[in-house]
Amino acid sequence: MGVRLLVRFGVFQWRLLASRAIIAVLAVGWLVLLGLGAAWDHDFLATAPLLLTFLAVGAFAGVWGGPDEQALRTWLAGSAVSARAALLASVVGRAVPLILAVVVQAVVIAAVRAQGAGVSVGELAAGGGAVLVQTAGMCTVLSLFLPGAFNAVAFLIVAASAFQGLSAFLAGADGLTKVALSIMNPLLWSVPQRTAQSVWGPLLTGLVLVALAVLAAPARAVLRTASLPGAVLAVESAANSFRRFLRRRQRVLRGVGFTVPRGRIVGLLGRNGAGKTTTLRAILGELALDEGGVTWQHGCRAAARFLPETDPLAAGLRPRHYLPLVATGAESERVHRLAELLHVGECLGARAGALSFGQRRRAALLVTVAAPAPVYLLDEPATGIDPLELEAMKGLLRQLRGEGAAVILSTHLLREFEDVIDEVVLLDGGRVIAAGPVAELEARLAAVALDRNAELPGLLPEGSVVSGARIIVAEGQRAALVAALTEAGVAFQEVPPTLHDVFSWTVQSTAVRVEEGSRA
């Protein structure tokens, strides 16, 4: 990750940090109590370190491991920023201003009370900074392994540990304090000088924890690159399984394979749990495959853009704050033009928390496509979008296709996107049950629409699928279906098959074949 992108990531992280109300409350509370302590001649060496420590821990707890942080990392999976680089940039983005806060506190305390306490400004700054590095390391590790619900409790434990460490640095450690330090900071036992005044203990502990967290962060799988004439990527027999705690291993992908042509909109369709999102993660390299692989056209993976299914916008930030990170290199003229197309021009400068869900979704889509890319991966982009705005979204997809980009559209809204999807990949149970151009798949079927009050005949041709008031059969069964309905006196009308018909017929026909195979 380049230095410029690292700086942008740090600035964004600080904006995200500063947008949290808990940070403002802690900062104001620290300043007020610091002023009261000065007015009442209170012991700063007992109060200020505690308040600053809770300010620092509150800053980490306010964002680290929370849904906004996790959503951002998921969103960046579609860019050149790896999970490890993003995690390391997060540490830098938070640690620098917090260490500066320690220096400011040291100067304030030294100017008022600390001169006669035997602790110099440099020692106090070094001790406080070391404790904050340790806090950063602990919070980083916890955010990787603990669910969000447990992070608050864990951060309180870290706060107590940091306070004990800073108090021991200022006043010396003995008795229960020394025991508490030893329990909460086990890595201190590997430090040669384990004195209360030594800054090396918490500093080295924090650096080791940060390094371990970066190593433990999920690494991007190695993706092959090759020359793919007319295509941007190819998925080849991808298979994946996972195992939850105390449960059997479950297969998610079972030999998924397809090719994404350049300048086409490919619909990744399937029921809930069919493996659509897992397939997208495998394509991006965020998921290691047990078998098979993904091959990208040279230079396409680094420039790909991804829109996750979950809302990636933090409530306290504005959508334009994400542009330097997610849409690196986006030109203002293109951003303005696409914003007008999606009707989100006024939303870019508004706080995301003040926008409706549909507005946030369209703003996130704009940020994703703001920079030209060879391929866009969109996971359920139309969630929460009303019919009028859906037409604007389809206009955007046509424009991206006209630019020569490939679009992988994961959706369950078949009827709504039928007129823009060029090719489909139908998934069911982790398998590809049909793939190809929409026109070819529709040409393999025949469909009839029954009158509203019509009753189905007792016998239908083999392989018939009933979907609402429609009956779908293979093209070769058209004559048999028409004859059966005519003989039964059922009023009907032959209609062209739709993408929804293709999906319904393929899913149900595949289920019948699987059931017959299991019986055999």
Protein backbone atom coordinates (compact mmCIF):
# COMPACT_ATOMS: atom_id res chain seq x y z
CA MET A 1 0.00 0.00 0.00
CA GLY A 2 1.44 3.36 -1.06
CA VAL A 3 2.28 6.14 1.37
CA ARG A 4 -0.40 8.40 -0.11
CA LEU A 5 -3.09 5.75 0.36
CA LEU A 6 -1.81 5.08 3.87
CA VAL A 7 -2.17 8.77 4.72
CA ARG A 8 -5.68 8.82 3.24
CA PHE A 9 -6.60 5.78 5.27
CA GLY A 10 -5.26 7.37 8.45
CA VAL A 11 -7.22 10.58 7.82
CA PHE A 12 -10.38 8.60 7.19
CA GLN A 13 -9.91 6.55 10.35
CA TRP A 14 -9.51 9.70 12.40
CA ARG A 15 -12.69 11.13 10.86
CA LEU A 16 -14.49 7.93 11.75
CA LEU A 17 -13.07 8.11 15.26
CA ALA A 18 -14.00 11.76 15.73
CA SER A 19 -17.57 11.14 14.53
CA ARG A 20 -18.39 9.05 17.59
CA ALA A 21 -20.28 10.74 20.42
CA ILE A 22 -18.39 8.71 23.03
CA ILE A 23 -15.15 10.40 21.98
CA ALA A 24 -16.60 13.89 22.37
CA VAL A 25 -18.05 13.04 25.78
CA LEU A 26 -14.77 11.60 27.03
CA ALA A 27 -12.72 14.48 25.68
CA VAL A 28 -14.98 17.15 27.19
CA GLY A 29 -15.15 15.26 30.48
CA TRP A 30 -11.37 14.99 30.59
CA LEU A 31 -10.91 18.72 30.03
CA VAL A 32 -13.58 19.68 32.58
CA LEU A 33 -12.21 17.43 35.30
CA LEU A 34 -8.68 18.56 34.49
CA GLY A 35 -9.78 22.18 34.97
CA LEU A 36 -11.59 21.36 38.22
CA GLY A 37 -8.52 19.57 39.48
CA ALA A 38 -6.38 22.63 38.77
CA ALA A 39 -8.87 24.95 40.49
CA TRP A 40 -9.19 22.75 43.58
CA ASP A 41 -5.51 21.77 43.75
CA HIS A 42 -6.37 18.13 43.12
CA ASP A 43 -3.71 15.47 42.63
CA PHE A 44 -3.16 15.43 38.89
CA LEU A 45 -0.93 12.39 39.01
CA ALA A 46 -3.90 10.34 40.22
CA THR A 47 -6.66 11.91 38.09
CA ALA A 48 -5.26 13.00 34.73
CA PRO A 49 -3.64 9.68 33.74
CA LEU A 50 -6.87 7.86 34.54
CA LEU A 51 -8.98 10.26 32.50
CA LEU A 52 -6.62 10.27 29.53
CA THR A 53 -6.41 6.50 29.60
CA PHE A 54 -10.17 6.14 29.50
CA LEU A 55 -10.24 8.72 26.70
CA ALA A 56 -7.79 6.62 24.69
CA VAL A 57 -9.54 3.34 25.39
CA GLY A 58 -12.90 4.93 24.63
CA ALA A 59 -11.49 6.08 21.31
CA PHE A 60 -10.44 2.56 20.40
CA ALA A 61 -13.64 1.04 21.75
CA GLY A 62 -15.78 3.59 19.89
CA VAL A 63 -14.76 2.23 16.51
CA TRP A 64 -12.46 -0.76 16.69
CA GLY A 65 -14.23 -4.00 15.96
CA GLY A 66 -17.56 -2.22 15.53
CA PRO A 67 -19.87 -2.61 12.53
CA ASP A 68 -18.57 0.52 10.78
CA GLU A 69 -14.98 -0.70 10.97
CA GLN A 70 -15.91 -4.17 9.75
CA ALA A 71 -18.06 -2.75 6.95
CA LEU A 72 -15.19 -0.56 5.77
CA ARG A 73 -12.78 -3.49 5.64
CA THR A 74 -15.35 -5.50 3.66
CA TRP A 75 -15.84 -2.62 1.23
CA LEU A 76 -12.10 -2.26 0.70
CA ALA A 77 -11.92 -5.93 -0.23
CA GLY A 78 -12.78 -4.80 -3.74
CA SER A 79 -9.77 -2.50 -3.97
CA ALA A 80 -6.01 -2.95 -3.86
CA VAL A 81 -5.93 -2.56 -0.04
CA SER A 82 -5.36 -5.91 1.63
CA ALA A 83 -6.86 -6.75 5.01
CA ARG A 84 -3.44 -6.69 6.68
CA ALA A 85 -2.48 -3.33 5.20
CA ALA A 86 -5.84 -1.85 6.23
CA LEU A 87 -5.41 -3.15 9.77
CA LEU A 88 -1.91 -1.69 10.06
CA ALA A 89 -3.12 1.65 8.71
CA SER A 90 -5.89 1.60 11.32
CA VAL A 91 -3.30 1.34 14.09
CA VAL A 92 -1.29 4.22 12.64
CA GLY A 93 -4.37 6.35 12.07
CA ARG A 94 -5.38 6.08 15.71
CA ALA A 95 -2.07 5.87 17.56
CA VAL A 96 -0.52 9.09 16.23
CA PRO A 97 -3.15 11.57 17.53
CA LEU A 98 -3.52 9.65 20.79
CA ILE A 99 0.21 9.78 21.50
CA LEU A 100 0.12 13.50 20.75
CA ALA A 101 -2.62 13.77 23.38
CA VAL A 102 -0.27 12.17 25.88
CA VAL A 103 2.38 14.76 25.12
CA VAL A 104 -0.15 17.57 25.62
CA GLN A 105 -1.18 16.09 28.95
CA ALA A 106 2.44 15.80 30.01
CA VAL A 107 3.03 19.47 29.28
CA VAL A 108 -0.12 20.51 31.19
CA ILE A 109 0.73 18.41 34.23
CA ALA A 110 4.35 19.53 34.23
CA ALA A 111 3.29 23.18 34.09
CA VAL A 112 0.92 22.88 37.05
CA ARG A 113 1.88 20.13 39.47
CA ALA A 114 4.31 17.55 38.22
CA GLN A 115 7.55 19.42 38.88
CA GLY A 116 7.69 18.37 42.52
CA ALA A 117 6.58 14.80 41.92
CA GLY A 118 9.89 13.55 40.63
CA VAL A 119 8.49 12.70 37.18
CA SER A 120 9.78 14.66 34.21
CA VAL A 121 7.75 15.64 31.17
CA GLY A 122 9.70 13.25 29.00
CA GLU A 123 9.18 10.34 31.36
CA LEU A 124 5.46 11.01 31.62
CA ALA A 125 5.09 11.32 27.83
CA ALA A 126 7.10 8.16 27.26
CA GLY A 127 5.15 6.20 29.86
CA GLY A 128 1.75 7.37 28.64
CA GLY A 129 2.66 6.75 25.01
CA ALA A 130 3.89 3.25 25.80
CA VAL A 131 0.67 2.41 27.60
CA LEU A 132 -1.36 3.67 24.64
CA VAL A 133 0.67 1.52 22.25
CA GLN A 134 -0.09 -1.41 24.50
CA THR A 135 -3.77 -0.46 24.50
CA ALA A 136 -3.74 -0.29 20.70
CA GLY A 137 -2.22 -3.75 20.47
CA MET A 138 -4.70 -5.30 22.88
CA CYS A 139 -7.70 -3.70 21.18
CA THR A 140 -6.44 -4.78 17.76
CA VAL A 141 -6.12 -8.42 18.79
CA LEU A 142 -9.50 -8.41 20.54
CA SER A 143 -11.26 -6.92 17.52
CA LEU A 144 -10.09 -9.82 15.36
CA PHE A 145 -11.26 -12.67 17.56
CA LEU A 146 -14.14 -11.41 19.70
CA PRO A 147 -17.70 -10.88 18.43
CA GLY A 148 -18.91 -7.30 18.59
CA ALA A 149 -21.13 -7.99 21.62
CA PHE A 150 -18.10 -8.90 23.75
CA ASN A 151 -15.88 -6.03 22.69
CA ALA A 152 -17.31 -3.56 25.24
CA VAL A 153 -16.48 -5.85 28.17
CA ALA A 154 -13.06 -6.61 26.75
CA PHE A 155 -12.26 -2.92 26.30
CA LEU A 156 -13.18 -2.25 29.94
CA ILE A 157 -10.63 -4.87 30.96
CA VAL A 158 -8.07 -3.20 28.72
CA ALA A 159 -8.90 0.15 30.30
CA ALA A 160 -8.26 -1.24 33.78
CA SER A 161 -4.99 -2.77 32.62
CA ALA A 162 -3.84 0.48 31.01
CA PHE A 163 -4.71 2.46 34.13
CA GLN A 164 -2.80 0.02 36.31
CA GLY A 165 0.19 0.29 34.03
CA LEU A 166 0.24 4.09 34.00
CA SER A 167 -0.36 4.29 37.75
CA ALA A 168 2.50 1.88 38.36
CA PHE A 169 4.72 3.97 36.11
CA LEU A 170 3.97 7.10 38.15
CA ALA A 171 3.81 5.72 41.66
CA GLY A 172 5.71 2.45 41.59
CA ALA A 173 4.22 -1.04 41.73
CA ASP A 174 3.96 -3.23 44.78
CA GLY A 175 1.51 -5.66 46.33
CA LEU A 176 -1.75 -6.19 44.48
CA THR A 177 -0.86 -3.67 41.77
CA LYS A 178 2.21 -5.68 40.81
CA VAL A 179 0.18 -8.90 40.77
CA ALA A 180 -2.50 -7.26 38.60
CA LEU A 181 0.14 -6.00 36.16
CA SER A 182 1.66 -9.45 35.90
CA ILE A 183 -1.72 -11.09 35.18
CA MET A 184 -3.00 -8.49 32.73
CA ASN A 185 0.30 -8.14 30.88
CA PRO A 186 1.80 -11.63 30.66
CA LEU A 187 4.30 -10.58 27.99
CA LEU A 188 6.04 -8.40 30.59
CA TRP A 189 7.71 -11.55 31.91
CA SER A 190 9.81 -11.72 28.75
CA VAL A 191 11.13 -8.16 29.20
CA PRO A 192 14.59 -8.06 30.88
CA GLN A 193 13.88 -4.98 33.06
CA ARG A 194 10.52 -5.45 34.77
CA THR A 195 10.52 -2.25 36.80
CA ALA A 196 7.50 -0.05 37.30
CA GLN A 197 9.34 2.95 35.83
CA SER A 198 10.39 1.09 32.66
CA VAL A 199 8.48 2.00 29.50
CA TRP A 200 9.84 -0.99 27.61
CA GLY A 201 7.33 -3.42 29.11
CA PRO A 202 4.09 -1.89 27.79
CA LEU A 203 5.80 -0.57 24.64
CA LEU A 204 7.16 -3.94 23.57
CA THR A 205 3.94 -5.65 24.63
CA GLY A 206 1.91 -3.33 22.40
CA LEU A 207 4.23 -3.69 19.42
CA VAL A 208 4.22 -7.48 19.72
CA LEU A 209 0.41 -7.55 19.94
CA VAL A 210 0.05 -5.28 16.91
CA ALA A 211 2.44 -7.49 14.94
CA LEU A 212 0.54 -10.63 15.97
CA ALA A 213 -2.76 -9.01 14.97
CA VAL A 214 -1.42 -8.06 11.54
CA LEU A 215 -0.16 -11.61 11.02
CA ALA A 216 -3.47 -13.06 12.22
CA ALA A 217 -5.53 -10.81 9.96
CA PRO A 218 -7.06 -12.71 7.05
CA ALA A 219 -4.66 -12.65 4.13
CA ARG A 220 -5.89 -12.34 0.56
CA ALA A 221 -5.70 -15.62 -1.28
CA VAL A 222 -3.24 -15.83 -4.15
CA LEU A 223 -5.15 -15.36 -7.38
CA ARG A 224 -3.85 -16.43 -10.74
CA THR A 225 -3.51 -13.98 -13.61
CA ALA A 226 -3.39 -14.89 -17.26
CA SER A 227 -4.36 -13.65 -20.68
CA LEU A 228 -8.12 -14.21 -21.05
CA PRO A 229 -9.21 -13.07 -24.52
CA GLY A 230 -12.52 -11.24 -24.24
CA ALA A 231 -12.95 -11.96 -20.53
CA VAL A 232 -11.99 -10.32 -17.24
CA LEU A 233 -12.01 -13.41 -15.02
CA ALA A 234 -12.77 -17.11 -14.97
CA VAL A 235 -13.90 -19.25 -12.02
CA GLU A 236 -12.78 -22.85 -12.37
CA SER A 237 -14.35 -25.68 -10.32
CA ALA A 238 -14.35 -23.60 -7.13
CA ALA A 239 -15.10 -25.64 -4.00
CA ASN A 240 -15.17 -24.38 -0.43
CA SER A 241 -16.27 -25.63 2.96
CA PHE A 242 -16.20 -24.30 6.48
CA ARG A 243 -16.62 -25.69 9.95
CA ARG A 244 -18.30 -23.91 12.81
CA PHE A 245 -17.44 -24.55 16.42
CA LEU A 246 -18.45 -28.10 17.46
CA ARG A 247 -20.26 -28.66 14.16
CA ARG A 248 -19.58 -30.77 11.13
CA ARG A 249 -17.83 -29.28 8.14
CA GLN A 250 -20.34 -27.83 5.69
CA ARG A 251 -19.75 -27.48 1.96
CA VAL A 252 -20.75 -24.11 0.52
CA LEU A 253 -19.41 -24.16 -3.04
CA ARG A 254 -19.43 -27.37 -5.06
CA GLY A 255 -17.45 -27.03 -8.26
CA VAL A 256 -18.62 -23.55 -9.30
CA GLY A 257 -17.31 -22.52 -12.69
CA PHE A 258 -18.10 -19.72 -15.16
CA THR A 259 -16.47 -16.96 -17.19
CA VAL A 260 -17.23 -13.22 -17.05
CA PRO A 261 -16.91 -11.60 -20.50
CA ARG A 262 -15.73 -8.02 -20.88
CA GLY A 263 -18.46 -5.42 -21.43
CA ARG A 264 -21.30 -7.65 -20.21
CA ILE A 265 -23.63 -7.62 -17.20
CA VAL A 266 -23.60 -11.06 -15.58
CA GLY A 267 -26.36 -11.89 -13.13
CA LEU A 268 -25.32 -14.12 -10.23
CA LEU A 269 -28.72 -15.51 -9.27
CA GLY A 270 -29.90 -17.92 -6.64
CA ARG A 271 -32.00 -18.43 -3.55
CA ASN A 272 -30.87 -17.35 -0.09
CA GLY A 273 -27.92 -19.51 0.92
CA ALA A 274 -27.20 -20.61 -2.64
CA GLY A 275 -23.60 -19.35 -2.40
CA LYS A 276 -23.74 -15.99 -4.21
CA THR A 277 -21.88 -13.90 -1.63
CA THR A 278 -19.42 -16.73 -0.98
CA THR A 279 -18.68 -16.85 -4.72
CA LEU A 280 -18.01 -13.10 -4.77
CA ARG A 281 -15.64 -13.43 -1.79
CA ALA A 282 -13.80 -16.23 -3.56
CA ILE A 283 -13.49 -14.11 -6.71
CA LEU A 284 -11.97 -11.27 -4.67
CA GLY A 285 -9.52 -13.58 -2.93
CA GLU A 286 -11.06 -12.96 0.49
CA LEU A 287 -11.90 -16.65 0.81
CA ALA A 288 -9.48 -19.53 0.39
CA LEU A 289 -10.78 -22.34 -1.80
CA ASP A 290 -10.39 -26.03 -1.05
CA GLU A 291 -10.40 -26.92 -4.73
CA GLY A 292 -10.34 -25.06 -8.02
CA GLY A 293 -9.38 -21.42 -8.39
CA VAL A 294 -10.01 -18.01 -9.89
CA THR A 295 -8.04 -16.58 -12.81
CA TRP A 296 -8.06 -12.84 -13.52
CA GLN A 297 -7.13 -11.01 -16.66
CA HIS A 298 -3.79 -9.24 -16.19
CA GLY A 299 -4.26 -5.96 -14.29
CA CYS A 300 -7.99 -6.37 -13.62
CA ARG A 301 -7.95 -7.53 -9.99
CA ALA A 302 -6.11 -4.48 -8.65
CA ALA A 303 -8.59 -2.15 -10.35
CA ALA A 304 -11.79 -4.06 -9.47
CA ARG A 305 -14.45 -2.42 -7.31
CA PHE A 306 -16.82 -4.14 -4.88
CA LEU A 307 -20.10 -3.11 -3.23
CA PRO A 308 -20.92 -5.33 -0.20
CA GLU A 309 -24.42 -6.47 0.66
CA THR A 310 -24.39 -4.72 4.05
CA ASP A 311 -24.57 -0.94 4.37
CA PRO A 312 -20.91 0.23 4.44
CA LEU A 313 -21.54 3.89 5.39
CA ALA A 314 -20.90 5.05 8.96
CA ALA A 315 -23.76 7.15 10.32
CA GLY A 316 -21.47 9.97 11.47
CA LEU A 317 -19.62 10.38 8.18
CA ARG A 318 -20.55 11.76 4.78
CA PRO A 319 -20.43 9.58 1.64
CA ARG A 320 -17.84 11.91 0.05
CA HIS A 321 -15.40 11.00 2.85
CA TYR A 322 -15.14 7.51 1.33
CA LEU A 323 -14.20 8.68 -2.17
CA PRO A 324 -10.40 9.04 -1.57
CA LEU A 325 -10.27 5.47 -0.26
CA VAL A 326 -12.76 3.40 -2.21
CA ALA A 327 -12.66 5.39 -5.48
CA THR A 328 -8.98 6.26 -5.76
CA GLY A 329 -8.40 8.40 -8.84
CA ALA A 330 -12.05 9.38 -9.36
CA GLU A 331 -12.51 12.59 -11.33
CA SER A 332 -14.91 15.20 -9.96
CA GLU A 333 -16.70 15.56 -13.30
CA ARG A 334 -17.50 11.83 -13.40
CA VAL A 335 -18.60 11.84 -9.77
CA HIS A 336 -20.95 14.75 -10.41
CA ARG A 337 -22.38 13.16 -13.56
CA LEU A 338 -23.05 9.80 -11.91
CA ALA A 339 -24.49 11.51 -8.83
CA GLU A 340 -27.03 13.28 -11.02
CA LEU A 341 -27.85 10.01 -12.74
CA LEU A 342 -28.52 8.27 -9.40
CA HIS A 343 -30.22 11.33 -7.87
CA VAL A 344 -27.77 11.49 -4.95
CA GLY A 345 -26.07 14.83 -5.66
CA GLU A 346 -27.23 16.34 -2.37
CA CYS A 347 -26.58 13.13 -0.43
CA LEU A 348 -22.79 13.14 -0.90
CA GLY A 349 -22.29 16.02 1.53
CA ALA A 350 -24.92 14.93 4.07
CA ARG A 351 -24.27 12.76 7.09
CA ALA A 352 -25.16 9.17 6.28
CA GLY A 353 -27.20 8.88 9.47
CA ALA A 354 -29.60 11.55 8.16
CA LEU A 355 -30.24 9.68 4.89
CA SER A 356 -32.86 7.04 4.20
CA PHE A 357 -31.69 3.49 3.62
CA GLY A 358 -32.36 3.78 -0.12
CA GLN A 359 -30.35 7.01 -0.32
CA ARG A 360 -27.45 5.43 1.57
CA ARG A 361 -27.53 2.44 -0.75
CA ARG A 362 -27.42 4.60 -3.88
CA ALA A 363 -24.69 6.80 -2.38
CA ALA A 364 -22.60 3.70 -1.60
CA LEU A 365 -23.13 2.49 -5.17
CA LEU A 366 -21.95 5.85 -6.48
CA VAL A 367 -18.78 5.72 -4.38
CA THR A 368 -18.10 2.19 -5.66
CA VAL A 369 -18.37 3.10 -9.35
CA ALA A 370 -16.97 6.66 -9.11
CA ALA A 371 -13.62 5.58 -10.54
CA PRO A 372 -13.49 3.73 -13.89
CA ALA A 373 -12.72 0.03 -13.48
CA PRO A 374 -12.64 -3.05 -15.72
CA VAL A 375 -15.03 -4.96 -13.46
CA TYR A 376 -17.56 -4.11 -10.75
CA LEU A 377 -18.89 -6.68 -8.28
CA LEU A 378 -22.24 -5.57 -6.83
CA ASP A 379 -23.83 -7.61 -4.05
CA GLU A 380 -27.58 -6.89 -3.82
CA PRO A 381 -27.24 -3.22 -4.88
CA ALA A 382 -31.02 -2.66 -5.14
CA THR A 383 -31.89 -3.46 -1.51
CA GLY A 384 -34.26 -0.78 -0.24
CA ILE A 385 -34.50 0.98 -3.63
CA ASP A 386 -37.95 2.16 -4.81
CA PRO A 387 -39.11 1.43 -8.41
CA LEU A 388 -38.32 4.91 -9.75
CA GLU A 389 -34.77 4.91 -8.41
CA LEU A 390 -34.34 1.34 -9.64
CA GLU A 391 -34.71 2.61 -13.20
CA ALA A 392 -31.95 5.14 -12.53
CA MET A 393 -29.75 2.33 -11.20
CA LYS A 394 -30.34 0.28 -14.34
CA GLY A 395 -29.38 3.32 -16.40
CA LEU A 396 -26.09 3.40 -14.49
CA LEU A 397 -25.48 -0.28 -15.21
CA ARG A 398 -26.04 0.29 -18.92
CA GLN A 399 -23.57 3.16 -18.85
CA LEU A 400 -20.92 1.01 -17.16
CA ARG A 401 -21.49 -1.67 -19.79
CA GLY A 402 -21.15 0.96 -22.49
CA GLU A 403 -17.76 1.93 -21.07
CA GLY A 404 -16.59 -1.65 -21.67
CA ALA A 405 -16.68 -2.73 -18.02
CA ALA A 406 -17.94 -6.08 -16.82
CA VAL A 407 -20.54 -6.06 -14.04
CA ILE A 408 -21.21 -9.04 -11.77
CA LEU A 409 -24.65 -8.42 -10.28
CA SER A 410 -25.70 -10.60 -7.36
CA THR A 411 -29.44 -10.20 -6.89
CA HIS A 412 -32.72 -11.98 -6.31
CA LEU A 413 -34.76 -9.31 -8.15
CA LEU A 414 -35.06 -11.24 -11.41
CA ARG A 415 -38.00 -9.41 -12.96
CA GLU A 416 -36.59 -5.98 -12.12
CA PHE A 417 -33.16 -6.57 -13.71
CA GLU A 418 -34.19 -8.86 -16.58
CA ASP A 419 -33.92 -6.09 -19.17
CA VAL A 420 -30.29 -5.25 -18.32
CA ILE A 421 -28.72 -8.65 -17.55
CA ASP A 422 -26.89 -10.14 -20.54
CA GLU A 423 -25.80 -13.47 -19.06
CA VAL A 424 -26.74 -15.40 -15.94
CA VAL A 425 -25.13 -17.86 -13.58
CA LEU A 426 -27.80 -19.73 -11.62
CA LEU A 427 -26.61 -21.13 -8.29
CA ASP A 428 -28.43 -23.59 -6.08
CA GLY A 429 -26.93 -25.50 -3.20
CA GLY A 430 -23.47 -24.20 -4.08
CA ARG A 431 -23.65 -25.58 -7.63
CA VAL A 432 -24.04 -23.91 -11.02
CA ILE A 433 -27.27 -25.35 -12.38
CA ALA A 434 -27.39 -23.15 -15.50
CA ALA A 435 -25.20 -20.52 -17.13
CA GLY A 436 -25.15 -18.63 -20.39
CA PRO A 437 -26.75 -15.75 -22.28
CA VAL A 438 -30.29 -14.96 -21.13
CA ALA A 439 -31.71 -15.22 -24.67
CA GLU A 440 -30.30 -18.73 -25.13
CA LEU A 441 -31.64 -19.99 -21.81
CA GLU A 442 -35.08 -18.53 -22.50
CA ALA A 443 -35.14 -20.10 -25.96
CA ARG A 444 -34.86 -23.57 -24.37
CA LEU A 445 -38.23 -23.16 -22.63
CA ALA A 446 -41.88 -22.63 -23.46
CA ALA A 447 -44.42 -20.97 -21.16
CA VAL A 448 -48.16 -20.46 -20.99
CA ALA A 449 -50.19 -18.11 -18.80
CA LEU A 450 -53.49 -19.41 -17.44
CA ASP A 451 -56.58 -17.31 -16.98
CA ARG A 452 -57.10 -16.04 -13.45
CA ASN A 453 -59.83 -18.52 -12.53
CA ALA A 454 -58.53 -21.46 -14.55
CA GLU A 455 -57.98 -24.82 -12.85
CA LEU A 456 -54.94 -26.93 -13.59
CA PRO A 457 -55.62 -30.18 -15.43
CA GLY A 458 -54.92 -33.43 -13.66
CA LEU A 459 -52.16 -34.51 -16.03
CA LEU A 460 -49.33 -32.30 -17.30
CA PRO A 461 -46.37 -33.27 -19.47
CA GLU A 462 -43.37 -34.65 -17.63
CA GLY A 463 -41.03 -31.90 -16.44
CA SER A 464 -43.73 -29.23 -16.20
CA VAL A 465 -43.15 -26.57 -13.56
CA VAL A 466 -46.00 -24.47 -12.18
CA SER A 467 -45.04 -20.94 -11.08
CA GLY A 468 -48.06 -18.94 -10.02
CA ALA A 469 -50.43 -18.72 -12.98
CA ARG A 470 -47.74 -19.86 -15.43
CA ILE A 471 -46.66 -23.31 -16.57
CA ILE A 472 -43.12 -23.74 -17.87
CA VAL A 473 -41.83 -26.72 -19.84
CA ALA A 474 -38.85 -27.50 -22.02
CA GLU A 475 -39.27 -26.28 -25.61
CA GLY A 476 -39.63 -29.88 -26.78
CA GLN A 477 -42.70 -30.30 -24.54
CA ARG A 478 -44.54 -27.26 -25.90
CA ALA A 479 -46.90 -29.26 -28.14
CA ALA A 480 -47.70 -31.78 -25.38
CA LEU A 481 -48.51 -28.97 -22.92
CA VAL A 482 -50.78 -27.16 -25.37
CA ALA A 483 -52.58 -30.40 -26.19
CA ALA A 484 -53.12 -31.28 -22.50
CA LEU A 485 -54.54 -27.84 -21.69
CA THR A 486 -56.76 -27.80 -24.79
CA GLU A 487 -58.13 -31.28 -24.03
CA ALA A 488 -58.92 -30.25 -20.45
CA GLY A 489 -60.72 -27.11 -21.64
CA VAL A 490 -58.38 -24.75 -19.74
CA ALA A 491 -58.17 -21.18 -21.01
CA PHE A 492 -54.53 -20.19 -21.56
CA GLN A 493 -52.24 -18.04 -23.65
CA GLU A 494 -48.76 -18.81 -24.90
CA VAL A 495 -46.27 -16.23 -23.64
CA PRO A 496 -42.52 -15.73 -24.11
CA PRO A 497 -40.44 -17.22 -21.28
CA THR A 498 -38.87 -14.78 -18.85
CA LEU A 499 -35.74 -14.87 -16.72
CA HIS A 500 -37.93 -15.71 -13.73
CA ASP A 501 -39.31 -18.68 -15.70
CA VAL A 502 -35.76 -19.85 -16.42
CA PHE A 503 -34.91 -19.62 -12.73
CA SER A 504 -38.05 -21.40 -11.50
CA TRP A 505 -37.88 -24.20 -14.07
CA THR A 506 -34.15 -24.80 -13.61
CA VAL A 507 -34.26 -24.85 -9.79
CA GLN A 508 -37.25 -27.19 -9.58
CA SER A 509 -36.06 -29.48 -12.37
CA THR A 510 -32.64 -29.77 -10.74
CA ALA A 511 -34.25 -30.60 -7.38
CA VAL A 512 -36.28 -33.40 -9.02
CA ARG A 513 -33.19 -34.87 -10.68
CA VAL A 514 -31.23 -34.78 -7.43
CA GLU A 515 -34.08 -36.50 -5.58
CA GLU A 516 -34.38 -39.20 -8.24
CA GLY A 517 -30.62 -39.72 -8.15
CA SER A 518 -30.62 -40.16 -4.37
CA ARG A 519 -33.38 -42.76 -4.60
CA ALA A 520 -31.48 -44.69 -7.24
